Amino acid sequence: MVLKTFNLEENVYKKFSDFCKANGISMSKQINMFINAQVTEEPKVREEYLIKLDLIRKGRFIKYNSVEDLRKAIEKR
């Protein structure tokens, strides 16, 4: 175990403290479980994000072979 200090907003600390007291749980254990979950669990991707990402991948894009070709195309507009 290590002892670390974190800065929290006072109202957040108060709400969390009250929550832990009301439920008979240890603040330290809750924070330890939260941090452990953040660094060990595989992140979950929302379905709507995957759909948007797929639309981007399938998007209609114009390929340019060089920056100069891109400049020429922009100047023609």
N, C-alpha and C. Protein backbone atom coordinates (compact mmCIF):
# COMPACT_ATOMS: atom_id res chain seq x y z
N MET A 1 0.84 -1.19 0.00
CA MET A 1 0.00 0.00 0.00
C MET A 1 0.88 1.25 0.00
N VAL A 2 0.38 2.26 -0.67
CA VAL A 2 1.05 3.56 -0.66
C VAL A 2 0.03 4.61 -0.22
N LEU A 3 0.54 5.70 0.31
CA LEU A 3 -0.32 6.80 0.71
C LEU A 3 -0.12 7.91 -0.30
N LYS A 4 -1.19 8.29 -1.00
CA LYS A 4 -1.14 9.35 -2.01
C LYS A 4 -2.16 10.42 -1.67
N THR A 5 -1.90 11.62 -2.13
CA THR A 5 -2.80 12.74 -1.90
C THR A 5 -3.33 13.22 -3.24
N PHE A 6 -4.64 13.44 -3.31
CA PHE A 6 -5.27 13.94 -4.52
C PHE A 6 -6.09 15.16 -4.18
N ASN A 7 -6.16 16.08 -5.12
CA ASN A 7 -7.00 17.25 -4.95
C ASN A 7 -8.37 16.97 -5.55
N LEU A 8 -9.40 17.20 -4.74
CA LEU A 8 -10.78 17.01 -5.19
C LEU A 8 -11.57 18.27 -4.89
N GLU A 9 -12.59 18.48 -5.67
CA GLU A 9 -13.50 19.57 -5.34
C GLU A 9 -14.20 19.20 -4.04
N GLU A 10 -14.39 20.18 -3.20
CA GLU A 10 -14.95 19.91 -1.89
C GLU A 10 -16.33 19.26 -1.96
N ASN A 11 -17.17 19.75 -2.88
CA ASN A 11 -18.53 19.18 -2.98
C ASN A 11 -18.50 17.72 -3.47
N VAL A 12 -17.54 17.40 -4.34
CA VAL A 12 -17.41 16.03 -4.83
C VAL A 12 -16.97 15.12 -3.69
N TYR A 13 -15.99 15.56 -2.91
CA TYR A 13 -15.52 14.78 -1.77
C TYR A 13 -16.65 14.56 -0.77
N LYS A 14 -17.41 15.59 -0.49
CA LYS A 14 -18.51 15.50 0.48
C LYS A 14 -19.56 14.50 0.01
N LYS A 15 -19.95 14.58 -1.27
CA LYS A 15 -20.95 13.65 -1.80
C LYS A 15 -20.44 12.20 -1.73
N PHE A 16 -19.17 12.00 -2.11
CA PHE A 16 -18.60 10.66 -2.10
C PHE A 16 -18.48 10.13 -0.68
N SER A 17 -18.05 11.00 0.23
CA SER A 17 -17.94 10.62 1.64
C SER A 17 -19.30 10.22 2.21
N ASP A 18 -20.31 11.03 1.94
CA ASP A 18 -21.66 10.72 2.41
C ASP A 18 -22.16 9.41 1.81
N PHE A 19 -21.91 9.20 0.51
CA PHE A 19 -22.31 7.97 -0.16
C PHE A 19 -21.67 6.76 0.50
N CYS A 20 -20.36 6.83 0.75
CA CYS A 20 -19.65 5.71 1.35
C CYS A 20 -20.14 5.43 2.77
N LYS A 21 -20.35 6.48 3.55
CA LYS A 21 -20.86 6.31 4.91
C LYS A 21 -22.25 5.68 4.90
N ALA A 22 -23.12 6.16 4.02
CA ALA A 22 -24.49 5.65 3.96
C ALA A 22 -24.54 4.18 3.57
N ASN A 23 -23.55 3.75 2.77
CA ASN A 23 -23.54 2.37 2.28
C ASN A 23 -22.54 1.49 3.02
N GLY A 24 -21.87 2.04 4.03
CA GLY A 24 -20.93 1.27 4.84
C GLY A 24 -19.75 0.74 4.06
N ILE A 25 -19.23 1.54 3.14
CA ILE A 25 -18.09 1.10 2.34
C ILE A 25 -16.90 2.03 2.56
N SER A 26 -15.73 1.52 2.30
CA SER A 26 -14.49 2.27 2.48
C SER A 26 -14.21 3.14 1.26
N MET A 27 -13.95 4.42 1.50
CA MET A 27 -13.61 5.32 0.40
C MET A 27 -12.34 4.85 -0.30
N SER A 28 -11.35 4.45 0.47
CA SER A 28 -10.08 4.01 -0.11
C SER A 28 -10.25 2.79 -1.00
N LYS A 29 -11.06 1.83 -0.55
CA LYS A 29 -11.27 0.63 -1.36
C LYS A 29 -12.02 0.97 -2.64
N GLN A 30 -12.99 1.86 -2.56
CA GLN A 30 -13.73 2.27 -3.75
C GLN A 30 -12.81 2.93 -4.76
N ILE A 31 -11.96 3.82 -4.31
CA ILE A 31 -11.03 4.52 -5.19
C ILE A 31 -10.03 3.53 -5.78
N ASN A 32 -9.54 2.60 -4.96
CA ASN A 32 -8.61 1.58 -5.45
C ASN A 32 -9.27 0.73 -6.54
N MET A 33 -10.52 0.32 -6.33
CA MET A 33 -11.23 -0.48 -7.34
C MET A 33 -11.44 0.33 -8.62
N PHE A 34 -11.77 1.62 -8.49
CA PHE A 34 -11.98 2.47 -9.66
C PHE A 34 -10.70 2.58 -10.48
N ILE A 35 -9.59 2.90 -9.83
CA ILE A 35 -8.32 3.06 -10.55
C ILE A 35 -7.91 1.73 -11.19
N ASN A 36 -8.07 0.64 -10.48
CA ASN A 36 -7.73 -0.67 -11.02
C ASN A 36 -8.57 -0.98 -12.26
N ALA A 37 -9.86 -0.66 -12.22
CA ALA A 37 -10.73 -0.89 -13.37
C ALA A 37 -10.29 -0.05 -14.56
N GLN A 38 -9.86 1.17 -14.31
CA GLN A 38 -9.44 2.06 -15.40
C GLN A 38 -8.21 1.53 -16.13
N VAL A 39 -7.30 0.91 -15.40
CA VAL A 39 -6.05 0.47 -16.03
C VAL A 39 -6.06 -0.99 -16.47
N THR A 40 -7.06 -1.77 -16.07
CA THR A 40 -7.05 -3.19 -16.43
C THR A 40 -8.17 -3.60 -17.37
N GLU A 41 -9.30 -2.93 -17.33
CA GLU A 41 -10.43 -3.33 -18.17
C GLU A 41 -10.28 -2.79 -19.58
N GLU A 42 -10.70 -3.59 -20.53
CA GLU A 42 -10.71 -3.18 -21.93
C GLU A 42 -11.80 -2.12 -22.10
N PRO A 43 -11.46 -0.99 -22.72
CA PRO A 43 -12.49 0.04 -22.89
C PRO A 43 -13.64 -0.45 -23.76
N LYS A 44 -14.83 -0.02 -23.43
CA LYS A 44 -16.02 -0.40 -24.19
C LYS A 44 -16.35 0.71 -25.17
N VAL A 45 -16.54 0.35 -26.43
CA VAL A 45 -16.84 1.34 -27.47
C VAL A 45 -18.34 1.32 -27.73
N ARG A 46 -18.93 2.50 -27.71
CA ARG A 46 -20.37 2.59 -27.96
C ARG A 46 -20.67 2.27 -29.42
N GLU A 47 -21.80 1.62 -29.64
CA GLU A 47 -22.21 1.19 -30.98
C GLU A 47 -22.31 2.37 -31.94
N GLU A 48 -22.87 3.50 -31.48
CA GLU A 48 -23.02 4.64 -32.39
C GLU A 48 -21.66 5.19 -32.84
N TYR A 49 -20.65 5.07 -31.99
CA TYR A 49 -19.31 5.49 -32.39
C TYR A 49 -18.78 4.58 -33.50
N LEU A 50 -19.00 3.27 -33.35
CA LEU A 50 -18.54 2.32 -34.36
C LEU A 50 -19.22 2.57 -35.70
N ILE A 51 -20.50 2.93 -35.66
CA ILE A 51 -21.24 3.23 -36.90
C ILE A 51 -20.66 4.47 -37.57
N LYS A 52 -20.41 5.52 -36.78
CA LYS A 52 -19.82 6.74 -37.35
C LYS A 52 -18.44 6.47 -37.92
N LEU A 53 -17.66 5.68 -37.22
CA LEU A 53 -16.32 5.35 -37.69
C LEU A 53 -16.38 4.58 -39.00
N ASP A 54 -17.32 3.66 -39.12
CA ASP A 54 -17.50 2.89 -40.34
C ASP A 54 -17.89 3.80 -41.51
N LEU A 55 -18.77 4.78 -41.24
CA LEU A 55 -19.16 5.73 -42.28
C LEU A 55 -17.97 6.56 -42.76
N ILE A 56 -17.11 6.93 -41.84
CA ILE A 56 -15.91 7.68 -42.21
C ILE A 56 -15.00 6.80 -43.08
N ARG A 57 -14.83 5.58 -42.67
CA ARG A 57 -13.96 4.66 -43.44
C ARG A 57 -14.48 4.43 -44.86
N LYS A 58 -15.80 4.40 -45.01
CA LYS A 58 -16.40 4.15 -46.32
C LYS A 58 -16.67 5.45 -47.08
N GLY A 59 -16.25 6.57 -46.52
CA GLY A 59 -16.55 7.87 -47.11
C GLY A 59 -15.98 8.05 -48.50
N ARG A 60 -16.53 9.04 -49.18
CA ARG A 60 -16.07 9.35 -50.53
C ARG A 60 -14.96 10.40 -50.40
N PHE A 61 -13.76 9.98 -50.63
CA PHE A 61 -12.60 10.86 -50.51
C PHE A 61 -11.89 10.95 -51.85
N ILE A 62 -11.23 12.06 -52.04
CA ILE A 62 -10.43 12.26 -53.25
C ILE A 62 -8.97 12.05 -52.87
N LYS A 63 -8.30 11.21 -53.63
CA LYS A 63 -6.90 10.93 -53.35
C LYS A 63 -6.02 11.86 -54.17
N TYR A 64 -5.06 12.46 -53.51
CA TYR A 64 -4.08 13.33 -54.17
C TYR A 64 -2.70 12.70 -54.00
N ASN A 65 -1.93 12.73 -55.06
CA ASN A 65 -0.60 12.13 -55.03
C ASN A 65 0.43 13.02 -54.36
N SER A 66 0.12 14.30 -54.27
CA SER A 66 1.07 15.21 -53.64
C SER A 66 0.32 16.44 -53.13
N VAL A 67 0.99 17.20 -52.31
CA VAL A 67 0.41 18.44 -51.80
C VAL A 67 0.20 19.41 -52.96
N GLU A 68 1.09 19.37 -53.90
CA GLU A 68 0.97 20.25 -55.08
C GLU A 68 -0.31 19.95 -55.86
N ASP A 69 -0.64 18.67 -56.03
CA ASP A 69 -1.88 18.30 -56.71
C ASP A 69 -3.09 18.82 -55.94
N LEU A 70 -3.03 18.75 -54.64
CA LEU A 70 -4.12 19.27 -53.80
C LEU A 70 -4.26 20.77 -53.97
N ARG A 71 -3.14 21.48 -53.98
CA ARG A 71 -3.17 22.95 -54.17
C ARG A 71 -3.81 23.31 -55.51
N LYS A 72 -3.45 22.58 -56.53
CA LYS A 72 -4.00 22.85 -57.87
C LYS A 72 -5.51 22.64 -57.86
N ALA A 73 -5.96 21.57 -57.22
CA ALA A 73 -7.40 21.29 -57.16
C ALA A 73 -8.15 22.38 -56.41
N ILE A 74 -7.54 22.87 -55.34
CA ILE A 74 -8.19 23.93 -54.55
C ILE A 74 -8.26 25.22 -55.35
N GLU A 75 -7.19 25.53 -56.08
CA GLU A 75 -7.15 26.78 -56.87
C GLU A 75 -8.15 26.75 -58.02
N LYS A 76 -8.51 25.58 -58.52
CA LYS A 76 -9.47 25.48 -59.61
C LYS A 76 -10.89 25.82 -59.15
N ARG A 77 -11.16 25.71 -57.89
CA ARG A 77 -12.52 25.96 -57.37
C ARG A 77 -12.85 27.39 -57.41
